[in-house]
């Protein structure tokens, strides 16, 4: 995979910049003081989740570390992790530091979006190294996976997911669906779709486009009452994929 100049710059930045890492629920007083005294990076300590979210919403954060005892705080993790790992809201990696992690706890945390785990005692140098590695991994992954909530397009696998559930699409259907989302809000002419998706420089084969559009509407639920997106037909012209406001649903 070839990286763009911007991606290369961002990769270099993850290796050189002073990081801001937010930490929630870190209980060890010695570890807390060690992080506060660190001058190379900024470690922001929080004791409640709402204050953490308020900070993440208003300030740049490069990573979040949760000092969660998953065996005891499982309900807290299930509430916090999905919010922190929501790609529509944040783009930073989330790491977990907790003792005695069982395989079940690790699997649950990964399924909720955790990027990495650190076993106490917490070392700032190791934490920064793991954050940099997680950010590089997320950056490379972002170039291959595209999100249009609740839809997720995995480009290397040609696989579409809706809220993590796989959708069975043909290669052509996948390409057309991704094309529609890339041009969301625009009127796309049928002949434009034929040219860009099928490589046909003509608008005489419009029934083929209509058939595929119908399949995509059905498989993606684009016209269902609770959908965030609506795929509209424009008479004798083409289609417009529109994102609906919450109030319009």
Foldseek 3Di string as FASTA:
>chain_A
DDDDPVLVVVLVCLVDDAAEEEEEDDDDPVLVVVQVPDDRHHYHYDHDQVVVVVCVQPDDHQEYEYADACVPCVVVLVVRLLVAQPPVRDQHAYEYEYPPDDPVSVVVNVVSRHQYYDYDPDDPVVVSVSRSVSNNVSSVQPVQWDDDPQWIQRRVVLWIDGVNHTFDDDNLLSVVVVVQVVQAPDFQFLQNCCCPRVVDNDNPPSVVVVVSVVVNCVRVVQPPPPDQWHWDADPPTGIHIYGHDPVVD
